Amino acid sequence: MRFTLTALTVLAAGCASPATAEPPGVGVVVHVVDGDTIDVEIGGREERVRLIGIDTPEVHVEGGLPECWGVEASALTAELVPTGTRVRLVRDVVPRDDYGRLLAYVHRVADDLFVNEALLSAGAARPLSIPPNDTYAEHFVDAVTAAERAELGLWAACRG
């Protein structure tokens, strides 16, 4: 009996998850690449994540200057999800883009801030609907319409 109890205890301990393991879909921001792309450590590996449904002005323009409000959009993303921030990644239909980036809606774990929507609402991004990954397309249009009417971010600085 004692042997059986000890064996079961050892088996149960071997099946337990480490205390530091994140729930599925939750990772930690490692680096903000630009306004709509972040690097996230998830499941023990680093993934480049492209935020679905939005497009921010580019900062990494080959042989040229950043696009209007690109630096500010990247800075806002870094403010919303700085290095070390726990995020929940929610996928849509197509999991990766042609560049191999993981496509996701990003939520900050601490307060469930929907980062994709927050960037649109602040005027830091335009909606970019690419079917079939368009679950929030209408919602995103509403968010950007309010930012445009209020002349926030790029809607004031770049005239849209």
C-alpha atoms as a PDB file:
ATOM      1  CA  MET A   1       0.000   0.000   0.000  1.00  0.00           C
ATOM      2  CA  ARG A   2       2.773   2.418   0.955  1.00  0.00           C
ATOM      3  CA  PHE A   3       4.592   1.705  -2.357  1.00  0.00           C
ATOM      4  CA  THR A   4       1.402   2.384  -4.338  1.00  0.00           C
ATOM      5  CA  LEU A   5       0.790   5.683  -2.553  1.00  0.00           C
ATOM      6  CA  THR A   6       4.402   6.781  -3.116  1.00  0.00           C
ATOM      7  CA  ALA A   7       4.238   5.800  -6.798  1.00  0.00           C
ATOM      8  CA  LEU A   8       1.007   7.748  -7.291  1.00  0.00           C
ATOM      9  CA  THR A   9       2.506  10.800  -5.571  1.00  0.00           C
ATOM     10  CA  VAL A  10       5.565  10.689  -7.845  1.00  0.00           C
ATOM     11  CA  LEU A  11       3.377  10.296 -10.941  1.00  0.00           C
ATOM     12  CA  ALA A  12       1.132  13.183  -9.931  1.00  0.00           C
ATOM     13  CA  ALA A  13       4.124  15.433  -9.263  1.00  0.00           C
ATOM     14  CA  GLY A  14       5.582  14.572 -12.664  1.00  0.00           C
ATOM     15  CA  CYS A  15       2.345  15.585 -14.386  1.00  0.00           C
ATOM     16  CA  ALA A  16       2.025  18.905 -12.594  1.00  0.00           C
ATOM     17  CA  SER A  17       2.795  22.026 -14.572  1.00  0.00           C
ATOM     18  CA  PRO A  18       5.610  24.264 -13.410  1.00  0.00           C
ATOM     19  CA  ALA A  19       4.437  27.192 -11.308  1.00  0.00           C
ATOM     20  CA  THR A  20       5.772  29.647 -13.898  1.00  0.00           C
ATOM     21  CA  ALA A  21       3.872  28.177 -16.868  1.00  0.00           C
ATOM     22  CA  GLU A  22       1.440  30.584 -18.517  1.00  0.00           C
ATOM     23  CA  PRO A  23      -2.100  29.592 -19.506  1.00  0.00           C
ATOM     24  CA  PRO A  24      -2.549  28.763 -23.213  1.00  0.00           C
ATOM     25  CA  GLY A  25      -2.431  31.910 -25.347  1.00  0.00           C
ATOM     26  CA  VAL A  26      -0.720  34.010 -22.672  1.00  0.00           C
ATOM     27  CA  GLY A  27       2.803  35.290 -23.172  1.00  0.00           C
ATOM     28  CA  VAL A  28       5.197  38.061 -22.220  1.00  0.00           C
ATOM     29  CA  VAL A  29       6.191  40.957 -24.471  1.00  0.00           C
ATOM     30  CA  VAL A  30       9.896  40.788 -25.276  1.00  0.00           C
ATOM     31  CA  HIS A  31      10.149  43.694 -27.730  1.00  0.00           C
ATOM     32  CA  VAL A  32       7.964  46.202 -29.569  1.00  0.00           C
ATOM     33  CA  VAL A  33       9.017  46.103 -33.236  1.00  0.00           C
ATOM     34  CA  ASP A  34       6.692  48.874 -34.413  1.00  0.00           C
ATOM     35  CA  GLY A  35       3.126  50.044 -33.913  1.00  0.00           C
ATOM     36  CA  ASP A  36       1.458  46.839 -35.077  1.00  0.00           C
ATOM     37  CA  THR A  37       4.133  44.193 -34.469  1.00  0.00           C
ATOM     38  CA  ILE A  38       5.501  42.849 -31.185  1.00  0.00           C
ATOM     39  CA  ASP A  39       7.753  39.981 -30.148  1.00  0.00           C
ATOM     40  CA  VAL A  40       6.195  37.753 -27.479  1.00  0.00           C
ATOM     41  CA  GLU A  41       7.602  34.809 -25.550  1.00  0.00           C
ATOM     42  CA  ILE A  42       4.879  32.210 -25.485  1.00  0.00           C
ATOM     43  CA  GLY A  43       5.169  28.541 -24.639  1.00  0.00           C
ATOM     44  CA  GLY A  44       8.919  28.830 -24.174  1.00  0.00           C
ATOM     45  CA  ARG A  45       9.631  30.329 -27.581  1.00  0.00           C
ATOM     46  CA  GLU A  46       9.709  33.801 -29.035  1.00  0.00           C
ATOM     47  CA  GLU A  47       7.092  34.646 -31.665  1.00  0.00           C
ATOM     48  CA  ARG A  48       6.773  37.725 -33.847  1.00  0.00           C
ATOM     49  CA  VAL A  49       3.123  38.780 -33.537  1.00  0.00           C
ATOM     50  CA  ARG A  50       1.276  40.986 -36.042  1.00  0.00           C
ATOM     51  CA  LEU A  51      -1.802  42.652 -34.546  1.00  0.00           C
ATOM     52  CA  ILE A  52      -4.821  41.658 -36.653  1.00  0.00           C
ATOM     53  CA  GLY A  53      -7.180  44.218 -38.129  1.00  0.00           C
ATOM     54  CA  ILE A  54      -5.021  47.325 -37.820  1.00  0.00           C
ATOM     55  CA  ASP A  55      -2.248  49.049 -39.724  1.00  0.00           C
ATOM     56  CA  THR A  56       0.021  51.649 -38.149  1.00  0.00           C
ATOM     57  CA  PRO A  57       2.301  53.978 -40.106  1.00  0.00           C
ATOM     58  CA  GLU A  58       5.681  52.407 -40.827  1.00  0.00           C
ATOM     59  CA  VAL A  59       8.868  53.346 -38.985  1.00  0.00           C
ATOM     60  CA  HIS A  60      11.203  50.960 -40.784  1.00  0.00           C
ATOM     61  CA  VAL A  61      11.112  52.318 -44.333  1.00  0.00           C
ATOM     62  CA  GLU A  62      13.916  51.056 -46.541  1.00  0.00           C
ATOM     63  CA  GLY A  63      16.046  54.014 -47.587  1.00  0.00           C
ATOM     64  CA  GLY A  64      13.604  56.561 -46.229  1.00  0.00           C
ATOM     65  CA  LEU A  65      12.124  58.375 -43.300  1.00  0.00           C
ATOM     66  CA  PRO A  66       9.368  56.917 -41.117  1.00  0.00           C
ATOM     67  CA  GLU A  67       5.816  57.576 -42.293  1.00  0.00           C
ATOM     68  CA  CYS A  68       3.809  60.349 -40.665  1.00  0.00           C
ATOM     69  CA  TRP A  69       2.970  59.330 -37.076  1.00  0.00           C
ATOM     70  CA  GLY A  70       4.929  56.054 -37.350  1.00  0.00           C
ATOM     71  CA  VAL A  71       7.278  56.917 -34.495  1.00  0.00           C
ATOM     72  CA  GLU A  72       4.369  58.040 -32.300  1.00  0.00           C
ATOM     73  CA  ALA A  73       2.339  54.895 -33.075  1.00  0.00           C
ATOM     74  CA  SER A  74       5.302  52.702 -32.145  1.00  0.00           C
ATOM     75  CA  ALA A  75       5.813  54.686 -28.947  1.00  0.00           C
ATOM     76  CA  LEU A  76       2.143  54.248 -28.014  1.00  0.00           C
ATOM     77  CA  THR A  77       2.364  50.492 -28.547  1.00  0.00           C
ATOM     78  CA  ALA A  78       5.480  50.432 -26.341  1.00  0.00           C
ATOM     79  CA  GLU A  79       3.564  52.405 -23.705  1.00  0.00           C
ATOM     80  CA  LEU A  80       0.541  50.064 -23.833  1.00  0.00           C
ATOM     81  CA  VAL A  81       2.564  46.825 -23.813  1.00  0.00           C
ATOM     82  CA  PRO A  82       6.122  47.541 -22.663  1.00  0.00           C
ATOM     83  CA  THR A  83       8.699  44.778 -22.364  1.00  0.00           C
ATOM     84  CA  GLY A  84       7.632  42.378 -19.610  1.00  0.00           C
ATOM     85  CA  THR A  85       3.881  42.920 -20.066  1.00  0.00           C
ATOM     86  CA  ARG A  86       1.753  39.778 -19.949  1.00  0.00           C
ATOM     87  CA  VAL A  87      -0.557  39.586 -22.951  1.00  0.00           C
ATOM     88  CA  ARG A  88      -3.258  37.203 -24.099  1.00  0.00           C
ATOM     89  CA  LEU A  89      -3.152  36.398 -27.808  1.00  0.00           C
ATOM     90  CA  VAL A  90      -6.443  35.553 -29.496  1.00  0.00           C
ATOM     91  CA  ARG A  91      -6.242  34.121 -32.984  1.00  0.00           C
ATOM     92  CA  ASP A  92      -8.740  34.345 -35.810  1.00  0.00           C
ATOM     93  CA  VAL A  93      -9.107  31.977 -38.783  1.00  0.00           C
ATOM     94  CA  VAL A  94      -5.682  32.208 -40.471  1.00  0.00           C
ATOM     95  CA  PRO A  95      -2.919  31.765 -37.856  1.00  0.00           C
ATOM     96  CA  ARG A  96       0.080  33.257 -39.743  1.00  0.00           C
ATOM     97  CA  ASP A  97       0.776  35.792 -42.474  1.00  0.00           C
ATOM     98  CA  ASP A  98       3.025  35.386 -45.524  1.00  0.00           C
ATOM     99  CA  TYR A  99       6.021  36.499 -43.435  1.00  0.00           C
ATOM    100  CA  GLY A 100       5.488  33.758 -40.845  1.00  0.00           C
ATOM    101  CA  ARG A 101       4.256  36.157 -38.168  1.00  0.00           C
ATOM    102  CA  LEU A 102       1.619  34.933 -35.737  1.00  0.00           C
ATOM    103  CA  LEU A 103      -1.611  36.881 -36.313  1.00  0.00           C
ATOM    104  CA  ALA A 104      -3.488  37.829 -33.144  1.00  0.00           C
ATOM    105  CA  TYR A 105      -5.789  40.154 -31.306  1.00  0.00           C
ATOM    106  CA  VAL A 106      -3.776  41.266 -28.276  1.00  0.00           C
ATOM    107  CA  HIS A 107      -5.200  41.850 -24.795  1.00  0.00           C
ATOM    108  CA  ARG A 108      -3.168  43.129 -21.855  1.00  0.00           C
ATOM    109  CA  VAL A 109      -3.686  40.562 -19.077  1.00  0.00           C
ATOM    110  CA  ALA A 110      -3.568  43.035 -16.158  1.00  0.00           C
ATOM    111  CA  ASP A 111      -6.732  44.893 -17.181  1.00  0.00           C
ATOM    112  CA  ASP A 112      -7.920  43.144 -20.384  1.00  0.00           C
ATOM    113  CA  LEU A 113      -7.167  46.229 -22.495  1.00  0.00           C
ATOM    114  CA  PHE A 114      -7.812  45.329 -26.146  1.00  0.00           C
ATOM    115  CA  VAL A 115      -4.586  46.716 -27.624  1.00  0.00           C
ATOM    116  CA  ASN A 116      -5.680  46.568 -31.287  1.00  0.00           C
ATOM    117  CA  GLU A 117      -8.760  48.661 -30.476  1.00  0.00           C
ATOM    118  CA  ALA A 118      -6.845  51.051 -28.197  1.00  0.00           C
ATOM    119  CA  LEU A 119      -4.451  51.930 -31.026  1.00  0.00           C
ATOM    120  CA  LEU A 120      -7.377  52.682 -33.340  1.00  0.00           C
ATOM    121  CA  SER A 121      -9.199  54.729 -30.688  1.00  0.00           C
ATOM    122  CA  ALA A 122      -6.075  56.832 -30.079  1.00  0.00           C
ATOM    123  CA  GLY A 123      -5.667  57.618 -33.767  1.00  0.00           C
ATOM    124  CA  ALA A 124      -2.457  55.588 -34.010  1.00  0.00           C
ATOM    125  CA  ALA A 125      -3.759  53.101 -36.583  1.00  0.00           C
ATOM    126  CA  ARG A 126      -6.136  52.603 -39.463  1.00  0.00           C
ATOM    127  CA  PRO A 127      -8.362  49.529 -39.751  1.00  0.00           C
ATOM    128  CA  LEU A 128      -7.015  46.814 -42.057  1.00  0.00           C
ATOM    129  CA  SER A 129      -9.529  44.073 -42.754  1.00  0.00           C
ATOM    130  CA  ILE A 130      -8.132  40.994 -44.484  1.00  0.00           C
ATOM    131  CA  PRO A 131     -10.725  38.204 -44.699  1.00  0.00           C
ATOM    132  CA  PRO A 132     -11.159  35.715 -43.227  1.00  0.00           C
ATOM    133  CA  ASN A 133      -9.429  37.361 -40.211  1.00  0.00           C
ATOM    134  CA  ASP A 134     -12.079  40.037 -39.851  1.00  0.00           C
ATOM    135  CA  THR A 135     -14.012  39.131 -36.704  1.00  0.00           C
ATOM    136  CA  TYR A 136     -13.751  42.677 -35.300  1.00  0.00           C
ATOM    137  CA  ALA A 137     -13.785  44.599 -38.617  1.00  0.00           C
ATOM    138  CA  GLU A 138     -17.014  46.520 -37.949  1.00  0.00           C
ATOM    139  CA  HIS A 139     -16.031  47.200 -34.351  1.00  0.00           C
ATOM    140  CA  PHE A 140     -12.663  48.557 -35.515  1.00  0.00           C
ATOM    141  CA  VAL A 141     -14.329  50.870 -38.053  1.00  0.00           C
ATOM    142  CA  ASP A 142     -16.443  52.326 -35.234  1.00  0.00           C
ATOM    143  CA  ALA A 143     -13.327  52.917 -33.102  1.00  0.00           C
ATOM    144  CA  VAL A 144     -11.403  54.641 -35.876  1.00  0.00           C
ATOM    145  CA  THR A 145     -14.399  56.746 -36.916  1.00  0.00           C
ATOM    146  CA  ALA A 146     -14.548  58.241 -33.422  1.00  0.00           C
ATOM    147  CA  ALA A 147     -10.788  58.968 -33.490  1.00  0.00           C
ATOM    148  CA  GLU A 148     -11.048  60.553 -36.924  1.00  0.00           C
ATOM    149  CA  ARG A 149     -13.963  62.781 -35.881  1.00  0.00           C
ATOM    150  CA  ALA A 150     -12.029  63.876 -32.789  1.00  0.00           C
ATOM    151  CA  GLU A 151      -8.924  64.461 -34.951  1.00  0.00           C
ATOM    152  CA  LEU A 152      -6.739  62.296 -32.734  1.00  0.00           C
ATOM    153  CA  GLY A 153      -3.233  61.146 -33.598  1.00  0.00           C
ATOM    154  CA  LEU A 154      -2.562  60.645 -37.273  1.00  0.00           C
ATOM    155  CA  TRP A 155      -5.986  62.030 -38.169  1.00  0.00           C
ATOM    156  CA  ALA A 156      -4.789  65.486 -37.102  1.00  0.00           C
ATOM    157  CA  ALA A 157      -1.067  65.262 -37.819  1.00  0.00           C
ATOM    158  CA  CYS A 158      -1.208  63.515 -41.183  1.00  0.00           C
ATOM    159  CA  ARG A 159      -4.664  64.410 -42.414  1.00  0.00           C
ATOM    160  CA  GLY A 160      -5.598  60.741 -42.381  1.00  0.00           C
END
